[in-house]
């Protein structure tokens, strides 16, 4: 896994993390820092997604997204990459060693109809509260669909890994880092990427 220096160098299949300032983002970051107190503080993401395929408008992103104004509610929502224009300083891009376009297409086909897992966020806040009150680590008790970071790891592990590295299942790699899909918040995803940085 390789970190890419800037957003302009993104390619389809890259994972991106965002730390764009917002009220919801602040709440997510606060919870993440409770859950992962020893994480590096140089970049605390509150969202994650995938770089999608190019188009005439400058490319797309694939992200778990809930937007009641624009009627978007999907684990694999396709949005214009231009939505992040002007926010480059809040973006971090990671590139897998290889990328298979058919894996991303299959992920979009399977997870596009799946609704965003908003209740999972409540579970993350619960995990953070328990950690703050007791100092104990607990699993996210809520798994209703998936959120952004979970979708990114699912795409990489279930859709890319069998195509690009069949000798090494990404799910086993994640398990070796004591991560369960339900516990993958954006900062946990970043820690996994950092641990396997090349």
Protein backbone atom coordinates (compact mmCIF):
# COMPACT_ATOMS: atom_id res chain seq x y z
CA UNK A 1 0.00 0.00 0.00
CA UNK A 2 1.53 3.30 -1.10
CA UNK A 3 0.65 6.82 0.00
CA UNK A 4 0.17 9.18 -2.95
CA UNK A 5 1.44 12.73 -2.39
CA UNK A 6 -1.58 14.64 -3.67
CA UNK A 7 -5.18 14.37 -4.81
CA UNK A 8 -4.35 15.38 -8.39
CA UNK A 9 -2.38 12.13 -8.84
CA UNK A 10 -5.34 9.90 -7.92
CA UNK A 11 -6.21 6.88 -10.05
CA UNK A 12 -9.22 4.56 -10.15
CA UNK A 13 -9.11 2.10 -7.27
CA UNK A 14 -7.20 4.38 -4.90
CA UNK A 15 -8.56 4.76 -1.37
CA UNK A 16 -9.00 8.29 -0.12
CA UNK A 17 -9.44 9.57 3.42
CA UNK A 18 -10.84 13.00 4.21
CA UNK A 19 -10.62 15.31 7.18
CA UNK A 20 -12.85 18.05 5.73
CA UNK A 21 -14.05 20.28 8.60
CA UNK A 22 -17.73 19.85 9.56
CA UNK A 23 -19.82 19.34 12.68
CA UNK A 24 -20.41 15.67 11.87
CA UNK A 25 -16.74 15.26 11.02
CA UNK A 26 -15.74 16.75 14.36
CA UNK A 27 -17.97 14.27 16.23
CA UNK A 28 -16.51 11.36 14.26
CA UNK A 29 -12.93 12.50 14.91
CA UNK A 30 -13.61 12.95 18.62
CA UNK A 31 -14.99 9.41 18.85
CA UNK A 32 -12.08 8.00 16.85
CA UNK A 33 -9.52 9.60 19.13
CA UNK A 34 -11.26 8.07 22.15
CA UNK A 35 -11.21 4.65 20.47
CA UNK A 36 -7.63 4.93 19.12
CA UNK A 37 -5.79 7.18 21.62
CA UNK A 38 -2.35 6.11 20.40
CA UNK A 39 -3.02 6.84 16.72
CA UNK A 40 -0.78 9.36 14.96
CA UNK A 41 -2.35 12.82 15.21
CA UNK A 42 -0.95 14.18 11.94
CA UNK A 43 -4.14 13.31 10.03
CA UNK A 44 -7.44 12.29 11.62
CA UNK A 45 -9.89 11.27 8.89
CA UNK A 46 -13.65 11.44 9.30
CA UNK A 47 -14.58 9.91 5.94
CA UNK A 48 -13.22 7.44 3.40
CA UNK A 49 -13.99 6.46 -0.15
CA UNK A 50 -12.66 5.10 -3.40
CA UNK A 51 -11.49 6.87 -6.50
CA UNK A 52 -13.90 5.86 -9.25
CA UNK A 53 -13.63 5.82 -13.01
CA UNK A 54 -12.78 8.82 -15.18
CA UNK A 55 -15.51 10.77 -16.94
CA UNK A 56 -15.82 13.99 -18.91
CA UNK A 57 -16.38 16.01 -15.72
CA UNK A 58 -13.05 15.12 -14.11
CA UNK A 59 -13.69 11.70 -12.65
CA UNK A 60 -15.81 10.14 -9.95
CA UNK A 61 -15.58 8.91 -6.39
CA UNK A 62 -17.38 5.91 -4.93
CA UNK A 63 -18.38 6.42 -1.31
CA UNK A 64 -20.89 5.37 1.27
CA UNK A 65 -23.04 8.47 1.40
CA UNK A 66 -26.30 9.69 2.90
CA UNK A 67 -27.70 12.98 1.62
CA UNK A 68 -31.43 13.49 2.10
CA UNK A 69 -31.39 16.75 0.11
CA UNK A 70 -30.02 15.09 -3.03
CA UNK A 71 -31.71 11.74 -2.31
CA UNK A 72 -28.47 9.78 -2.00
CA UNK A 73 -28.47 6.76 0.31
CA UNK A 74 -25.97 4.09 -0.70
CA UNK A 75 -22.90 2.21 0.43
CA UNK A 76 -21.47 2.67 -3.09
CA UNK A 77 -22.74 6.05 -4.19
CA UNK A 78 -21.09 7.50 -7.30
CA UNK A 79 -20.35 11.21 -6.95
CA UNK A 80 -18.26 13.66 -8.99
CA UNK A 81 -14.68 13.93 -7.75
CA UNK A 82 -15.14 17.69 -8.14
CA UNK A 83 -17.04 17.72 -4.82
CA UNK A 84 -13.60 17.66 -3.16
CA UNK A 85 -12.19 20.53 -5.23
CA UNK A 86 -10.72 23.11 -2.90
CA UNK A 87 -10.32 20.58 -0.08
CA UNK A 88 -7.09 18.96 -1.27
CA UNK A 89 -5.28 19.80 1.97
CA UNK A 90 -7.84 17.65 3.83
CA UNK A 91 -7.38 14.57 1.61
CA UNK A 92 -5.02 11.62 1.86
CA UNK A 93 -4.74 9.12 -1.00
CA UNK A 94 -3.56 5.49 -0.79
CA UNK A 95 -2.84 3.16 -3.71
CA UNK A 96 -2.96 -0.64 -3.60
CA UNK A 97 -0.12 -2.51 -5.29
CA UNK A 98 -2.50 -3.45 -8.12
CA UNK A 99 -6.02 -2.64 -9.24
CA UNK A 100 -8.57 -4.68 -11.16
CA UNK A 101 -11.36 -2.54 -12.70
CA UNK A 102 -13.81 -5.47 -12.75
CA UNK A 103 -13.54 -5.70 -8.96
CA UNK A 104 -14.65 -2.09 -8.53
CA UNK A 105 -17.46 -2.56 -11.06
CA UNK A 106 -18.69 -5.63 -9.17
CA UNK A 107 -18.52 -3.77 -5.84
CA UNK A 108 -20.60 -0.89 -7.25
CA UNK A 109 -23.15 -3.34 -8.68
CA UNK A 110 -23.47 -5.24 -5.38
CA UNK A 111 -23.31 -2.38 -2.88
CA UNK A 112 -24.87 0.45 -4.89
CA UNK A 113 -28.40 -0.69 -3.92
CA UNK A 114 -27.44 -1.17 -0.25
CA UNK A 115 -28.53 1.66 2.04
CA UNK A 116 -25.98 3.65 4.05
CA UNK A 117 -25.39 2.21 7.54
CA UNK A 118 -26.19 5.34 9.55
CA UNK A 119 -26.88 3.35 12.72
CA UNK A 120 -23.32 2.03 12.61
CA UNK A 121 -22.20 5.57 13.48
CA UNK A 122 -24.25 5.37 16.68
CA UNK A 123 -22.35 2.18 17.45
CA UNK A 124 -19.01 3.95 16.98
CA UNK A 125 -20.11 6.68 19.37
CA UNK A 126 -21.11 3.97 21.89
CA UNK A 127 -17.68 2.33 21.59
CA UNK A 128 -16.06 5.72 22.20
CA UNK A 129 -18.28 6.42 25.21
CA UNK A 130 -17.48 3.04 26.78
CA UNK A 131 -13.76 3.62 26.19
CA UNK A 132 -13.98 7.09 27.77
CA UNK A 133 -15.97 5.89 30.79
CA UNK A 134 -14.20 2.60 31.47
CA UNK A 135 -10.99 2.54 29.44
CA UNK A 136 -12.12 -0.77 27.93
CA UNK A 137 -12.22 -1.72 24.28
CA UNK A 138 -15.52 -3.14 23.06
CA UNK A 139 -16.81 -4.09 19.63
CA UNK A 140 -19.27 -1.91 17.77
CA UNK A 141 -22.61 -3.51 18.77
CA UNK A 142 -24.44 -2.21 15.69
CA UNK A 143 -23.95 -3.60 12.21
CA UNK A 144 -26.70 -2.35 9.91
CA UNK A 145 -25.32 -2.17 6.38
CA UNK A 146 -21.96 -0.35 6.04
CA UNK A 147 -20.42 3.11 6.29
CA UNK A 148 -17.62 4.74 4.31
CA UNK A 149 -14.52 3.10 5.80
CA UNK A 150 -16.20 -0.29 5.95
CA UNK A 151 -17.13 -0.02 2.27
CA UNK A 152 -13.56 0.88 1.29
CA UNK A 153 -12.14 -2.13 3.14
CA UNK A 154 -14.83 -4.44 1.75
CA UNK A 155 -14.02 -3.35 -1.81
CA UNK A 156 -10.33 -3.91 -1.25
CA UNK A 157 -10.69 -7.21 0.57
CA UNK A 158 -13.63 -8.94 -1.04
CA UNK A 159 -13.47 -7.53 -4.57
CA UNK A 160 -9.81 -6.66 -5.25
CA UNK A 161 -7.80 -9.14 -3.18
CA UNK A 162 -9.09 -12.29 -4.90
CA UNK A 163 -8.28 -10.73 -8.28
CA UNK A 164 -4.93 -9.08 -7.55
CA UNK A 165 -3.42 -11.23 -4.78
CA UNK A 166 -5.19 -14.59 -4.49
CA UNK A 167 -2.30 -15.91 -2.41
CA UNK A 168 -3.20 -13.50 0.37
CA UNK A 169 -6.80 -12.85 1.36
CA UNK A 170 -7.24 -9.28 2.60
CA UNK A 171 -9.71 -10.46 5.22
CA UNK A 172 -6.93 -12.53 6.78
CA UNK A 173 -4.62 -9.53 6.64
CA UNK A 174 -7.22 -7.40 8.41
CA UNK A 175 -7.81 -10.13 11.00
CA UNK A 176 -4.10 -10.15 11.74
CA UNK A 177 -4.51 -6.51 12.76
CA UNK A 178 -7.38 -7.40 15.10
CA UNK A 179 -9.88 -5.53 12.95
CA UNK A 180 -13.44 -6.59 12.32
CA UNK A 181 -15.39 -4.91 9.52
CA UNK A 182 -17.90 -3.56 12.05
CA UNK A 183 -15.08 -1.82 13.94
CA UNK A 184 -13.48 -0.14 10.92
CA UNK A 185 -13.93 3.59 11.36
CA UNK A 186 -11.91 5.93 9.08
CA UNK A 187 -9.04 6.20 11.57
CA UNK A 188 -8.90 2.40 11.98
CA UNK A 189 -8.72 2.13 8.18
CA UNK A 190 -5.84 4.63 8.15
CA UNK A 191 -4.01 2.66 10.84
CA UNK A 192 -4.37 -0.48 8.72
CA UNK A 193 -3.06 1.34 5.65
CA UNK A 194 -0.12 2.75 7.62
CA UNK A 195 0.70 -0.70 8.99
CA UNK A 196 0.98 -2.07 5.44
CA UNK A 197 2.58 0.94 3.80
CA UNK A 198 5.28 0.10 1.26
